[in-house]
C-alpha atoms as a PDB file:
ATOM      1  CA  MET A   1     -29.830 -12.999  15.545  1.00  0.00           C
ATOM      2  CA  THR A   2     -29.012 -14.518  12.136  1.00  0.00           C
ATOM      3  CA  ASP A   3     -26.973 -12.629   9.687  1.00  0.00           C
ATOM      4  CA  PRO A   4     -29.419 -11.671   6.871  1.00  0.00           C
ATOM      5  CA  ARG A   5     -26.714 -11.368   4.176  1.00  0.00           C
ATOM      6  CA  PRO A   6     -26.460 -14.149   1.664  1.00  0.00           C
ATOM      7  CA  ARG A   7     -23.107 -15.762   2.259  1.00  0.00           C
ATOM      8  CA  GLN A   8     -22.718 -17.625  -0.830  1.00  0.00           C
ATOM      9  CA  ARG A   9     -22.062 -16.157  -4.167  1.00  0.00           C
ATOM     10  CA  VAL A  10     -22.895 -17.212  -7.815  1.00  0.00           C
ATOM     11  CA  ARG A  11     -21.487 -16.078 -11.034  1.00  0.00           C
ATOM     12  CA  ARG A  12     -23.582 -14.028 -13.276  1.00  0.00           C
ATOM     13  CA  THR A  13     -22.562 -13.064 -16.991  1.00  0.00           C
ATOM     14  CA  LEU A  14     -23.751  -9.662 -18.394  1.00  0.00           C
ATOM     15  CA  PRO A  15     -24.440  -9.734 -21.957  1.00  0.00           C
ATOM     16  CA  ALA A  16     -22.720  -7.780 -24.427  1.00  0.00           C
ATOM     17  CA  ARG A  17     -25.729  -5.739 -25.245  1.00  0.00           C
ATOM     18  CA  LYS A  18     -26.333  -4.294 -21.868  1.00  0.00           C
ATOM     19  CA  ARG A  19     -29.655  -3.252 -20.282  1.00  0.00           C
ATOM     20  CA  ILE A  20     -29.227   0.181 -19.046  1.00  0.00           C
ATOM     21  CA  ALA A  21     -31.537   2.319 -16.745  1.00  0.00           C
ATOM     22  CA  LEU A  22     -31.370   6.075 -17.104  1.00  0.00           C
ATOM     23  CA  ILE A  23     -32.957   8.087 -14.310  1.00  0.00           C
ATOM     24  CA  ALA A  24     -32.867  11.658 -13.339  1.00  0.00           C
ATOM     25  CA  HIS A  25     -34.351  13.889 -10.611  1.00  0.00           C
ATOM     26  CA  ASP A  26     -36.145  16.893 -12.061  1.00  0.00           C
ATOM     27  CA  GLY A  27     -33.169  19.193 -11.324  1.00  0.00           C
ATOM     28  CA  MET A  28     -30.775  16.896 -13.304  1.00  0.00           C
ATOM     29  CA  LYS A  29     -32.881  16.017 -16.266  1.00  0.00           C
ATOM     30  CA  ALA A  30     -31.256  18.565 -18.561  1.00  0.00           C
ATOM     31  CA  GLU A  31     -27.957  17.430 -17.438  1.00  0.00           C
ATOM     32  CA  LEU A  32     -28.781  13.669 -18.267  1.00  0.00           C
ATOM     33  CA  LEU A  33     -30.213  14.683 -21.634  1.00  0.00           C
ATOM     34  CA  GLU A  34     -26.984  16.628 -22.555  1.00  0.00           C
ATOM     35  CA  TRP A  35     -24.889  13.637 -21.376  1.00  0.00           C
ATOM     36  CA  ALA A  36     -26.972  11.166 -23.320  1.00  0.00           C
ATOM     37  CA  GLU A  37     -26.666  13.218 -26.504  1.00  0.00           C
ATOM     38  CA  ARG A  38     -22.963  12.924 -26.372  1.00  0.00           C
ATOM     39  CA  TRP A  39     -23.225   9.091 -25.902  1.00  0.00           C
ATOM     40  CA  GLN A  40     -26.065   8.572 -28.348  1.00  0.00           C
ATOM     41  CA  ALA A  41     -24.288   6.282 -30.670  1.00  0.00           C
ATOM     42  CA  THR A  42     -23.106   4.060 -27.845  1.00  0.00           C
ATOM     43  CA  LEU A  43     -26.429   4.011 -26.089  1.00  0.00           C
ATOM     44  CA  ALA A  44     -28.092   2.911 -29.405  1.00  0.00           C
ATOM     45  CA  ASN A  45     -26.334  -0.407 -29.186  1.00  0.00           C
ATOM     46  CA  HIS A  46     -27.940  -1.149 -25.770  1.00  0.00           C
ATOM     47  CA  ALA A  47     -31.534  -1.766 -24.286  1.00  0.00           C
ATOM     48  CA  LEU A  48     -32.561   1.371 -22.556  1.00  0.00           C
ATOM     49  CA  VAL A  49     -35.198   1.919 -19.667  1.00  0.00           C
ATOM     50  CA  GLY A  50     -36.072   4.776 -17.729  1.00  0.00           C
ATOM     51  CA  THR A  51     -38.570   6.241 -15.248  1.00  0.00           C
ATOM     52  CA  GLY A  52     -41.474   8.754 -16.089  1.00  0.00           C
ATOM     53  CA  THR A  53     -40.601  11.850 -17.967  1.00  0.00           C
ATOM     54  CA  THR A  54     -36.910  11.142 -18.218  1.00  0.00           C
ATOM     55  CA  ALA A  55     -37.622   8.039 -20.550  1.00  0.00           C
ATOM     56  CA  HIS A  56     -40.042  10.059 -22.547  1.00  0.00           C
ATOM     57  CA  ARG A  57     -37.620  12.989 -22.958  1.00  0.00           C
ATOM     58  CA  LEU A  58     -34.751  10.778 -23.704  1.00  0.00           C
ATOM     59  CA  SER A  59     -36.582   8.821 -26.412  1.00  0.00           C
ATOM     60  CA  ARG A  60     -37.811  12.030 -28.039  1.00  0.00           C
ATOM     61  CA  THR A  61     -34.435  13.705 -27.898  1.00  0.00           C
ATOM     62  CA  LEU A  62     -32.316  10.868 -28.893  1.00  0.00           C
ATOM     63  CA  GLY A  63     -34.593   9.068 -31.151  1.00  0.00           C
ATOM     64  CA  LEU A  64     -34.131   5.821 -29.531  1.00  0.00           C
ATOM     65  CA  ALA A  65     -36.396   3.337 -27.808  1.00  0.00           C
ATOM     66  CA  VAL A  66     -36.491   3.827 -24.084  1.00  0.00           C
ATOM     67  CA  ASP A  67     -38.829   1.629 -22.280  1.00  0.00           C
ATOM     68  CA  GLY A  68     -40.657   3.833 -19.950  1.00  0.00           C
ATOM     69  CA  LEU A  69     -41.715   2.987 -16.423  1.00  0.00           C
ATOM     70  CA  MET A  70     -43.738   4.854 -13.784  1.00  0.00           C
ATOM     71  CA  SER A  71     -42.377   8.120 -12.472  1.00  0.00           C
ATOM     72  CA  GLY A  72     -40.001   7.677  -9.557  1.00  0.00           C
ATOM     73  CA  PRO A  73     -42.221   8.947  -6.840  1.00  0.00           C
ATOM     74  CA  LEU A  74     -45.090   6.944  -8.232  1.00  0.00           C
ATOM     75  CA  GLY A  75     -43.092   3.657  -8.079  1.00  0.00           C
ATOM     76  CA  GLY A  76     -40.640   3.888 -10.976  1.00  0.00           C
ATOM     77  CA  ASP A  77     -37.580   3.540  -8.580  1.00  0.00           C
ATOM     78  CA  GLN A  78     -38.943   0.432  -7.213  1.00  0.00           C
ATOM     79  CA  GLN A  79     -39.681  -1.013 -10.726  1.00  0.00           C
ATOM     80  CA  ILE A  80     -36.031  -0.336 -11.529  1.00  0.00           C
ATOM     81  CA  GLY A  81     -35.208  -2.121  -8.252  1.00  0.00           C
ATOM     82  CA  ALA A  82     -37.319  -5.251  -9.291  1.00  0.00           C
ATOM     83  CA  LEU A  83     -35.373  -5.255 -12.525  1.00  0.00           C
ATOM     84  CA  ILE A  84     -32.062  -5.460 -10.569  1.00  0.00           C
ATOM     85  CA  THR A  85     -33.306  -8.267  -8.238  1.00  0.00           C
ATOM     86  CA  GLU A  86     -34.490 -10.201 -11.347  1.00  0.00           C
ATOM     87  CA  GLN A  87     -31.152  -9.762 -12.975  1.00  0.00           C
ATOM     88  CA  ARG A  88     -32.955  -8.072 -15.853  1.00  0.00           C
ATOM     89  CA  LEU A  89     -30.740  -4.755 -15.548  1.00  0.00           C
ATOM     90  CA  ASP A  90     -26.997  -4.444 -16.022  1.00  0.00           C
ATOM     91  CA  LEU A  91     -26.180  -0.697 -15.455  1.00  0.00           C
ATOM     92  CA  LEU A  92     -27.747   2.055 -13.646  1.00  0.00           C
ATOM     93  CA  ILE A  93     -27.256   5.728 -14.625  1.00  0.00           C
ATOM     94  CA  PHE A  94     -29.001   7.737 -11.968  1.00  0.00           C
ATOM     95  CA  PHE A  95     -28.219  11.491 -11.966  1.00  0.00           C
ATOM     96  CA  TRP A  96     -29.817  12.419  -8.588  1.00  0.00           C
ATOM     97  CA  ASP A  97     -29.940  15.969  -7.203  1.00  0.00           C
ATOM     98  CA  PRO A  98     -27.816  16.386  -3.984  1.00  0.00           C
ATOM     99  CA  PHE A  99     -29.288  19.736  -3.336  1.00  0.00           C
ATOM    100  CA  ALA A 100     -33.018  18.992  -3.692  1.00  0.00           C
ATOM    101  CA  PRO A 101     -34.903  17.222  -0.854  1.00  0.00           C
ATOM    102  CA  GLN A 102     -36.726  14.181  -2.558  1.00  0.00           C
ATOM    103  CA  PRO A 103     -40.184  13.089  -1.210  1.00  0.00           C
ATOM    104  CA  HIS A 104     -39.543   9.571  -2.267  1.00  0.00           C
ATOM    105  CA  ASP A 105     -35.868   9.551  -0.798  1.00  0.00           C
ATOM    106  CA  PRO A 106     -36.484   6.132   0.973  1.00  0.00           C
ATOM    107  CA  ASP A 107     -37.275   4.679  -2.466  1.00  0.00           C
ATOM    108  CA  VAL A 108     -34.089   6.206  -3.808  1.00  0.00           C
ATOM    109  CA  LYS A 109     -32.100   4.841  -1.082  1.00  0.00           C
ATOM    110  CA  ALA A 110     -33.602   1.299  -1.533  1.00  0.00           C
ATOM    111  CA  LEU A 111     -32.793   1.499  -5.112  1.00  0.00           C
ATOM    112  CA  LEU A 112     -29.085   2.182  -4.514  1.00  0.00           C
ATOM    113  CA  ARG A 113     -29.075  -0.351  -1.902  1.00  0.00           C
ATOM    114  CA  LEU A 114     -30.163  -2.931  -4.260  1.00  0.00           C
ATOM    115  CA  ALA A 115     -27.735  -1.955  -6.886  1.00  0.00           C
ATOM    116  CA  ALA A 116     -24.839  -2.436  -4.375  1.00  0.00           C
ATOM    117  CA  LEU A 117     -26.413  -5.747  -3.139  1.00  0.00           C
ATOM    118  CA  TRP A 118     -26.667  -7.165  -6.595  1.00  0.00           C
ATOM    119  CA  ASN A 119     -23.312  -5.741  -7.826  1.00  0.00           C
ATOM    120  CA  VAL A 120     -24.805  -3.459 -10.404  1.00  0.00           C
ATOM    121  CA  PRO A 121     -22.410  -0.680 -11.682  1.00  0.00           C
ATOM    122  CA  VAL A 122     -23.975   2.766 -10.893  1.00  0.00           C
ATOM    123  CA  ALA A 123     -23.114   6.258 -12.110  1.00  0.00           C
ATOM    124  CA  CYS A 124     -24.579   9.155 -10.309  1.00  0.00           C
ATOM    125  CA  ASN A 125     -23.075  12.139 -12.414  1.00  0.00           C
ATOM    126  CA  PRO A 126     -21.638  12.797 -15.815  1.00  0.00           C
ATOM    127  CA  ALA A 127     -18.063  11.977 -15.001  1.00  0.00           C
ATOM    128  CA  SER A 128     -18.897   8.510 -13.472  1.00  0.00           C
ATOM    129  CA  ALA A 129     -21.356   7.890 -16.425  1.00  0.00           C
ATOM    130  CA  ASP A 130     -18.602   8.745 -18.956  1.00  0.00           C
ATOM    131  CA  PHE A 131     -16.362   6.066 -17.107  1.00  0.00           C
ATOM    132  CA  LEU A 132     -18.957   3.425 -17.431  1.00  0.00           C
ATOM    133  CA  MET A 133     -19.613   4.162 -20.977  1.00  0.00           C
ATOM    134  CA  SER A 134     -15.966   4.260 -21.912  1.00  0.00           C
ATOM    135  CA  SER A 135     -15.201   0.983 -20.193  1.00  0.00           C
ATOM    136  CA  PRO A 136     -14.086  -1.741 -22.400  1.00  0.00           C
ATOM    137  CA  TRP A 137     -16.453  -4.085 -20.683  1.00  0.00           C
ATOM    138  CA  LEU A 138     -19.537  -2.025 -21.968  1.00  0.00           C
ATOM    139  CA  ASP A 139     -19.784  -4.013 -25.308  1.00  0.00           C
ATOM    140  CA  GLN A 140     -18.671  -7.424 -24.225  1.00  0.00           C
ATOM    141  CA  ALA A 141     -19.786  -9.991 -21.866  1.00  0.00           C
ATOM    142  CA  TYR A 142     -18.695  -9.499 -18.324  1.00  0.00           C
ATOM    143  CA  GLU A 143     -18.680 -12.074 -15.504  1.00  0.00           C
ATOM    144  CA  MET A 144     -19.374 -11.071 -11.910  1.00  0.00           C
ATOM    145  CA  ALA A 145     -20.399 -12.299  -8.602  1.00  0.00           C
ATOM    146  CA  ILE A 146     -23.861 -11.750  -7.124  1.00  0.00           C
ATOM    147  CA  PRO A 147     -25.623 -13.115  -4.027  1.00  0.00           C
ATOM    148  CA  ASP A 148     -26.940 -16.724  -4.334  1.00  0.00           C
ATOM    149  CA  ALA A 149     -30.603 -16.019  -3.469  1.00  0.00           C
ATOM    150  CA  GLY A 150     -31.528 -19.592  -3.984  1.00  0.00           C
ATOM    151  CA  ALA A 151     -29.010 -20.888  -1.240  1.00  0.00           C
ATOM    152  CA  TRP A 152     -30.125 -18.064   1.068  1.00  0.00           C
ATOM    153  CA  LEU A 153     -33.819 -19.078   0.694  1.00  0.00           C
ATOM    154  CA  ALA A 154     -32.952 -22.649   1.262  1.00  0.00           C
ATOM    155  CA  GLU A 155     -31.283 -21.860   4.464  1.00  0.00           C
ATOM    156  CA  ARG A 156     -34.273 -19.880   5.665  1.00  0.00           C
ATOM    157  CA  SER A 157     -36.688 -22.772   4.942  1.00  0.00           C
ATOM    158  CA  ASP A 158     -34.583 -25.005   7.291  1.00  0.00           C
ATOM    159  CA  ASP A 159     -35.297 -22.620  10.330  1.00  0.00           C
END
């Protein structure tokens, strides 16, 4: 069996103005809103995207533009995953609820898998989100390694 992992890596430079996804399960929405209010001035310098109700509530609360996608259970998590694979997302802030079973748990797991694969920084709670937002790399370009999908596809076409 062939190893499905891309062996080659390429460099990707994240822009100084980051594209940040903000997602929260129902039980964590209030906590995300509270956190986002503390970081409102910083978030205003970046492009924001969110799923369903979270995007709408963030936009209304913060007075910032938040590009709203579908609700997570309706495919929003997969839309965020597509942005990751297309290198159109730079950070993922995802306050998921560790106590509540989620009907779309496979979608959540797939989203986190894509973030790990494509080397996207992820915060899953206020403390880790504070660390991301206070990073010196947040407001400057940052070079990182990602899988070389083109080389991987070329290898497969030889089979």
